[in-house]
Amino acid sequence: MKKMSELKKLPLRGGCRCGGNCHSGHKPNLAPHELLSLDFSTPKEEGGCACGERACPRQYLAISGFILGGFLLLHLTFNAIGLWPGRFQTLVNLVHGLGAALPVLEMGLVLVLAIHVALGMRTLAREKLTLGVEKHHQGSDARYWLQRVTAVILLLFLSFHLATMPQWGLHFVYQITHWPALGCYAVGGRFVPQHAFASVSQAMSLFWGEQAANPANLLIAEFYLLGIASAIYHLVNGAATGAEVLGFVTGSAQKERLLRWCMGIGVVLATAGMMAWYAFTFGARP
């Protein structure tokens, strides 16, 4: 018994090691305004956690990631229907038939995205893109490094995608500034619900002029492909590690089984993503 008590006093590896698993009992959760100011990169005390036995910020990162992952799953599957433009237009009509509920859902999704990005950027600012940072994460060093690399790519991709496609992107900026350079966004974003397939394919394959072979247009198409691939990896690896953070899986066998399931889902998502990308780029060309 003495040896067991001594083992419990041994220091664990550096960094925030709880992953949501060291919290016992019902401790008060962090208030939203405390999340960004909390330093959870170093332990509060030896063998402890800087989150003070409350809900770790990594839990909030995992929860918001699961919500965004669910949306990505629907979004890629939805866009894969673009191989059949008529059916794609029917689905778009159904979604926009939600009326006033649609902006509410969009704002809720943007709020979740803002929380996820804010917490992710704080982690990225602390650990940067260094390979082999302190072991306060789940998964291998290479997986954790790729998670941060894809996060940077996704941040750039989403900034571009959300700025150009929806009504509240550069169209909103034009309404305020009336900058001539943004004249193509005077009426709205590049996505037009009434002409769903044509507008999306033009935004992806004919962003700069009418020549699909234009190097600038090819770069935009390749950027979309890179964004899709990054999103899929970020979701698959994030789901596997997020489940550990939230305590859904504990033993090594459960973790390996979950990783295999996530990899299988990743293959399905990659297939849907490639179908969507082809539909609106090469599939859109005469």
Protein backbone atom coordinates (compact mmCIF):
# COMPACT_ATOMS: atom_id res chain seq x y z
CA MET A 1 0.00 0.00 0.00
CA LYS A 2 2.88 2.33 0.75
CA LYS A 3 4.34 1.79 -2.71
CA MET A 4 0.99 2.57 -4.33
CA SER A 5 0.69 5.84 -2.42
CA GLU A 6 4.21 6.79 -3.46
CA LEU A 7 3.41 6.10 -7.10
CA LYS A 8 0.46 8.47 -6.94
CA LYS A 9 2.82 11.27 -5.93
CA LEU A 10 5.05 10.84 -8.96
CA PRO A 11 4.89 13.85 -11.32
CA LEU A 12 3.11 13.35 -14.61
CA ARG A 13 4.35 14.65 -17.95
CA GLY A 14 4.25 18.41 -18.45
CA GLY A 15 1.29 20.37 -19.69
CA CYS A 16 -2.44 20.15 -19.16
CA ARG A 17 -2.90 16.42 -18.71
CA CYS A 18 -6.48 16.22 -17.60
CA GLY A 19 -8.23 16.01 -20.95
CA GLY A 20 -11.37 16.11 -18.86
CA ASN A 21 -10.41 12.87 -17.11
CA CYS A 22 -8.83 14.16 -13.89
CA HIS A 23 -11.92 16.06 -12.77
CA SER A 24 -13.73 14.20 -10.04
CA GLY A 25 -17.10 15.09 -8.60
CA HIS A 26 -19.22 18.00 -9.76
CA LYS A 27 -16.95 21.04 -10.01
CA PRO A 28 -18.12 24.44 -11.25
CA ASN A 29 -17.62 24.98 -14.98
CA LEU A 30 -15.64 27.86 -16.40
CA ALA A 31 -17.60 30.96 -17.28
CA PRO A 32 -17.36 31.81 -21.01
CA HIS A 33 -15.37 34.99 -20.33
CA GLU A 34 -12.74 32.99 -18.38
CA LEU A 35 -11.85 30.65 -21.23
CA LEU A 36 -9.42 32.86 -23.15
CA SER A 37 -7.70 34.26 -20.05
CA LEU A 38 -7.03 30.85 -18.53
CA ASP A 39 -3.49 29.50 -18.86
CA PHE A 40 -3.90 25.75 -19.24
CA SER A 41 -0.51 25.13 -20.83
CA THR A 42 1.18 24.35 -17.49
CA PRO A 43 -0.14 22.44 -14.51
CA LYS A 44 -1.48 24.34 -11.55
CA GLU A 45 0.47 22.08 -9.22
CA GLU A 46 2.52 18.92 -9.50
CA GLY A 47 0.26 16.20 -10.84
CA GLY A 48 -2.56 18.71 -11.20
CA CYS A 49 -4.07 20.81 -13.93
CA ALA A 50 -4.13 24.55 -14.58
CA CYS A 51 -7.88 24.49 -15.10
CA GLY A 52 -8.28 24.07 -11.35
CA GLU A 53 -10.35 20.86 -11.54
CA ARG A 54 -13.09 22.67 -13.42
CA ALA A 55 -14.15 21.91 -16.99
CA CYS A 56 -10.95 22.14 -19.04
CA PRO A 57 -10.98 24.53 -22.03
CA ARG A 58 -10.04 21.54 -24.16
CA GLN A 59 -13.48 20.17 -23.40
CA TYR A 60 -15.09 23.27 -24.87
CA LEU A 61 -12.81 22.91 -27.89
CA ALA A 62 -13.91 19.28 -28.30
CA ILE A 63 -17.64 20.00 -27.90
CA SER A 64 -17.62 22.86 -30.41
CA GLY A 65 -15.55 20.66 -32.74
CA PHE A 66 -18.16 17.90 -32.65
CA ILE A 67 -20.90 20.39 -33.53
CA LEU A 68 -18.89 21.77 -36.44
CA GLY A 69 -17.99 18.23 -37.50
CA GLY A 70 -21.68 17.33 -37.71
CA PHE A 71 -22.25 20.32 -39.96
CA LEU A 72 -19.28 19.36 -42.15
CA LEU A 73 -20.67 15.86 -42.54
CA LEU A 74 -24.00 17.25 -43.74
CA HIS A 75 -22.36 19.93 -45.89
CA LEU A 76 -20.09 17.58 -47.82
CA THR A 77 -22.85 15.00 -48.29
CA PHE A 78 -25.22 17.75 -49.42
CA ASN A 79 -22.72 19.15 -51.92
CA ALA A 80 -21.93 15.71 -53.32
CA ILE A 81 -25.47 15.83 -54.74
CA GLY A 82 -24.05 18.51 -57.05
CA LEU A 83 -23.28 15.68 -59.46
CA TRP A 84 -27.02 15.91 -60.16
CA PRO A 85 -27.68 19.68 -60.53
CA GLY A 86 -31.48 19.33 -60.55
CA ARG A 87 -31.54 17.40 -57.27
CA PHE A 88 -29.02 19.83 -55.78
CA GLN A 89 -31.32 22.76 -56.59
CA THR A 90 -34.24 20.91 -54.97
CA LEU A 91 -32.25 20.44 -51.76
CA VAL A 92 -31.22 24.11 -51.75
CA ASN A 93 -34.86 25.11 -52.14
CA LEU A 94 -35.80 22.92 -49.17
CA VAL A 95 -33.11 24.48 -46.97
CA HIS A 96 -34.03 28.04 -47.91
CA GLY A 97 -37.66 27.15 -47.36
CA LEU A 98 -36.92 27.19 -43.62
CA GLY A 99 -37.52 30.95 -43.73
CA ALA A 100 -36.66 32.89 -40.57
CA ALA A 101 -35.23 29.78 -38.90
CA LEU A 102 -32.32 29.66 -41.37
CA PRO A 103 -30.58 32.89 -40.22
CA VAL A 104 -30.94 31.74 -36.61
CA LEU A 105 -29.26 28.43 -37.41
CA GLU A 106 -26.54 30.23 -39.36
CA MET A 107 -25.81 32.63 -36.50
CA GLY A 108 -25.70 29.75 -34.03
CA LEU A 109 -23.20 27.95 -36.23
CA VAL A 110 -21.08 31.10 -36.59
CA LEU A 111 -21.06 31.49 -32.79
CA VAL A 112 -19.86 27.90 -32.31
CA LEU A 113 -17.21 28.47 -35.00
CA ALA A 114 -16.05 31.66 -33.27
CA ILE A 115 -15.64 29.82 -29.95
CA HIS A 116 -13.74 26.98 -31.60
CA VAL A 117 -11.45 29.34 -33.54
CA ALA A 118 -10.76 31.52 -30.48
CA LEU A 119 -9.73 28.57 -28.31
CA GLY A 120 -7.83 26.94 -31.17
CA MET A 121 -5.93 30.15 -31.95
CA ARG A 122 -4.89 30.45 -28.32
CA THR A 123 -3.50 26.93 -28.40
CA LEU A 124 -1.79 27.61 -31.73
CA ALA A 125 -0.27 30.87 -30.47
CA ARG A 126 1.20 29.04 -27.49
CA GLU A 127 2.48 25.91 -29.23
CA LYS A 128 2.88 27.25 -32.79
CA LEU A 129 3.66 24.63 -35.46
CA THR A 130 6.47 22.97 -33.54
CA LEU A 131 6.67 19.19 -33.80
CA GLY A 132 6.96 17.43 -30.46
CA VAL A 133 5.55 19.98 -28.02
CA GLU A 134 4.89 19.01 -24.39
CA LYS A 135 2.69 15.94 -24.12
CA HIS A 136 -0.55 17.52 -22.93
CA HIS A 137 -2.52 16.16 -25.85
CA GLN A 138 -3.95 12.90 -27.13
CA GLY A 139 -2.51 11.00 -30.09
CA SER A 140 1.00 10.95 -31.53
CA ASP A 141 3.18 14.03 -32.01
CA ALA A 142 2.75 13.80 -35.80
CA ARG A 143 -1.05 13.65 -35.53
CA TYR A 144 -1.11 16.62 -33.16
CA TRP A 145 1.21 18.62 -35.44
CA LEU A 146 -0.98 17.89 -38.49
CA GLN A 147 -4.01 18.94 -36.47
CA ARG A 148 -2.48 22.39 -36.00
CA VAL A 149 -1.28 22.61 -39.62
CA THR A 150 -4.75 21.80 -40.95
CA ALA A 151 -6.20 24.32 -38.48
CA VAL A 152 -4.13 27.08 -40.13
CA ILE A 153 -5.17 25.97 -43.62
CA LEU A 154 -8.82 25.79 -42.55
CA LEU A 155 -8.68 29.28 -41.03
CA LEU A 156 -7.44 30.70 -44.35
CA PHE A 157 -9.89 28.61 -46.36
CA LEU A 158 -12.94 29.48 -44.24
CA SER A 159 -12.03 33.17 -44.27
CA PHE A 160 -12.02 33.09 -48.08
CA HIS A 161 -15.08 30.85 -48.39
CA LEU A 162 -17.24 32.83 -45.95
CA ALA A 163 -16.11 36.15 -47.43
CA THR A 164 -17.03 35.29 -51.01
CA MET A 165 -19.97 32.86 -50.91
CA PRO A 166 -22.70 34.07 -48.49
CA GLN A 167 -24.67 37.32 -48.44
CA TRP A 168 -23.01 38.49 -45.21
CA GLY A 169 -19.44 38.31 -46.54
CA LEU A 170 -17.91 40.82 -48.96
CA HIS A 171 -21.43 41.79 -49.99
CA PHE A 172 -21.92 43.21 -46.50
CA VAL A 173 -18.58 45.04 -46.76
CA TYR A 174 -19.63 46.54 -50.09
CA GLN A 175 -22.92 47.76 -48.64
CA ILE A 176 -20.94 49.74 -46.05
CA THR A 177 -17.98 50.96 -48.12
CA HIS A 178 -19.26 50.91 -51.76
CA TRP A 179 -15.70 50.12 -52.75
CA PRO A 180 -15.59 49.76 -56.58
CA ALA A 181 -13.20 46.81 -56.36
CA LEU A 182 -15.99 44.84 -54.68
CA GLY A 183 -18.56 45.76 -57.31
CA CYS A 184 -19.20 42.11 -58.18
CA TYR A 185 -20.60 41.71 -54.67
CA ALA A 186 -23.06 44.61 -55.01
CA VAL A 187 -26.08 42.33 -55.42
CA GLY A 188 -24.99 39.57 -53.05
CA GLY A 189 -22.46 36.81 -52.45
CA ARG A 190 -21.29 34.48 -55.17
CA PHE A 191 -23.77 31.83 -54.03
CA VAL A 192 -27.22 32.52 -55.49
CA PRO A 193 -29.88 30.15 -54.04
CA GLN A 194 -32.11 30.49 -57.12
CA HIS A 195 -29.21 29.31 -59.34
CA ALA A 196 -27.43 27.11 -56.84
CA PHE A 197 -25.36 24.81 -59.06
CA ALA A 198 -24.36 27.45 -61.62
CA SER A 199 -23.37 30.01 -58.99
CA VAL A 200 -21.26 27.58 -56.92
CA SER A 201 -19.53 26.10 -59.97
CA GLN A 202 -18.73 29.60 -61.25
CA ALA A 203 -17.31 30.59 -57.86
CA MET A 204 -15.09 27.51 -57.74
CA SER A 205 -13.98 27.05 -61.36
CA LEU A 206 -14.52 30.49 -62.95
CA PHE A 207 -13.59 32.82 -60.11
CA TRP A 208 -11.32 34.94 -62.33
CA GLY A 209 -12.95 35.38 -65.74
CA GLU A 210 -14.53 32.86 -68.08
CA GLN A 211 -11.49 30.69 -68.81
CA ALA A 212 -11.43 27.61 -66.61
CA ALA A 213 -7.84 26.90 -67.69
CA ASN A 214 -6.72 30.26 -66.33
CA PRO A 215 -3.93 29.55 -63.77
CA ALA A 216 -5.71 31.76 -61.23
CA ASN A 217 -8.89 29.71 -61.60
CA LEU A 218 -6.91 26.49 -61.27
CA LEU A 219 -5.37 27.81 -58.04
CA ILE A 220 -8.82 28.58 -56.63
CA ALA A 221 -10.02 25.07 -57.51
CA GLU A 222 -6.91 23.53 -55.93
CA PHE A 223 -7.36 25.73 -52.86
CA TYR A 224 -10.87 24.32 -52.43
CA LEU A 225 -9.48 20.79 -52.74
CA LEU A 226 -6.84 21.55 -50.10
CA GLY A 227 -9.51 23.05 -47.84
CA ILE A 228 -11.72 19.97 -48.15
CA ALA A 229 -8.82 17.61 -47.42
CA SER A 230 -7.74 19.69 -44.40
CA ALA A 231 -11.28 19.80 -43.05
CA ILE A 232 -11.64 16.03 -43.30
CA TYR A 233 -8.35 15.31 -41.52
CA HIS A 234 -9.08 17.94 -38.85
CA LEU A 235 -12.51 16.41 -38.21
CA VAL A 236 -11.38 12.77 -38.18
CA ASN A 237 -8.39 13.30 -35.91
CA GLY A 238 -10.29 15.83 -33.79
CA ALA A 239 -13.17 13.39 -33.26
CA ALA A 240 -10.78 10.66 -32.11
CA THR A 241 -8.88 12.92 -29.69
CA GLY A 242 -11.97 14.88 -28.63
CA ALA A 243 -13.67 11.69 -27.47
CA GLU A 244 -10.65 11.07 -25.22
CA VAL A 245 -10.78 14.63 -23.88
CA LEU A 246 -14.46 14.25 -22.98
CA GLY A 247 -13.85 10.86 -21.38
CA PHE A 248 -15.97 8.86 -23.82
CA VAL A 249 -13.11 6.39 -24.30
CA THR A 250 -10.42 5.50 -21.77
CA GLY A 251 -8.61 2.22 -22.39
CA SER A 252 -6.09 1.74 -25.19
CA ALA A 253 -8.34 -0.85 -26.89
CA GLN A 254 -11.25 1.59 -26.96
CA LYS A 255 -9.03 4.35 -28.32
CA GLU A 256 -7.70 2.15 -31.12
CA ARG A 257 -11.21 1.00 -32.01
CA LEU A 258 -12.45 4.59 -32.08
CA LEU A 259 -9.53 5.65 -34.29
CA ARG A 260 -10.37 2.91 -36.78
CA TRP A 261 -14.01 4.01 -36.86
CA CYS A 262 -12.96 7.61 -37.38
CA MET A 263 -10.65 6.60 -40.22
CA GLY A 264 -13.55 4.75 -41.85
CA ILE A 265 -15.73 7.85 -41.55
CA GLY A 266 -12.85 9.82 -43.03
CA VAL A 267 -12.85 7.61 -46.13
CA VAL A 268 -16.60 8.19 -46.57
CA LEU A 269 -16.14 11.94 -46.10
CA ALA A 270 -13.21 12.02 -48.53
CA THR A 271 -15.38 10.28 -51.13
CA ALA A 272 -18.21 12.77 -50.63
CA GLY A 273 -15.76 15.68 -50.67
CA MET A 274 -14.16 14.56 -53.92
CA MET A 275 -17.59 14.08 -55.51
CA ALA A 276 -18.59 17.61 -54.48
CA TRP A 277 -15.31 19.13 -55.66
CA TYR A 278 -15.47 17.37 -59.02
CA ALA A 279 -19.13 18.33 -59.50
CA PHE A 280 -18.45 22.06 -59.17
CA THR A 281 -15.08 22.20 -60.94
CA PHE A 282 -14.33 19.71 -63.69
CA GLY A 283 -17.92 18.44 -63.76
CA ALA A 284 -19.14 21.98 -64.40
CA ARG A 285 -17.06 22.42 -67.56
CA PRO A 286 -18.50 21.81 -71.01
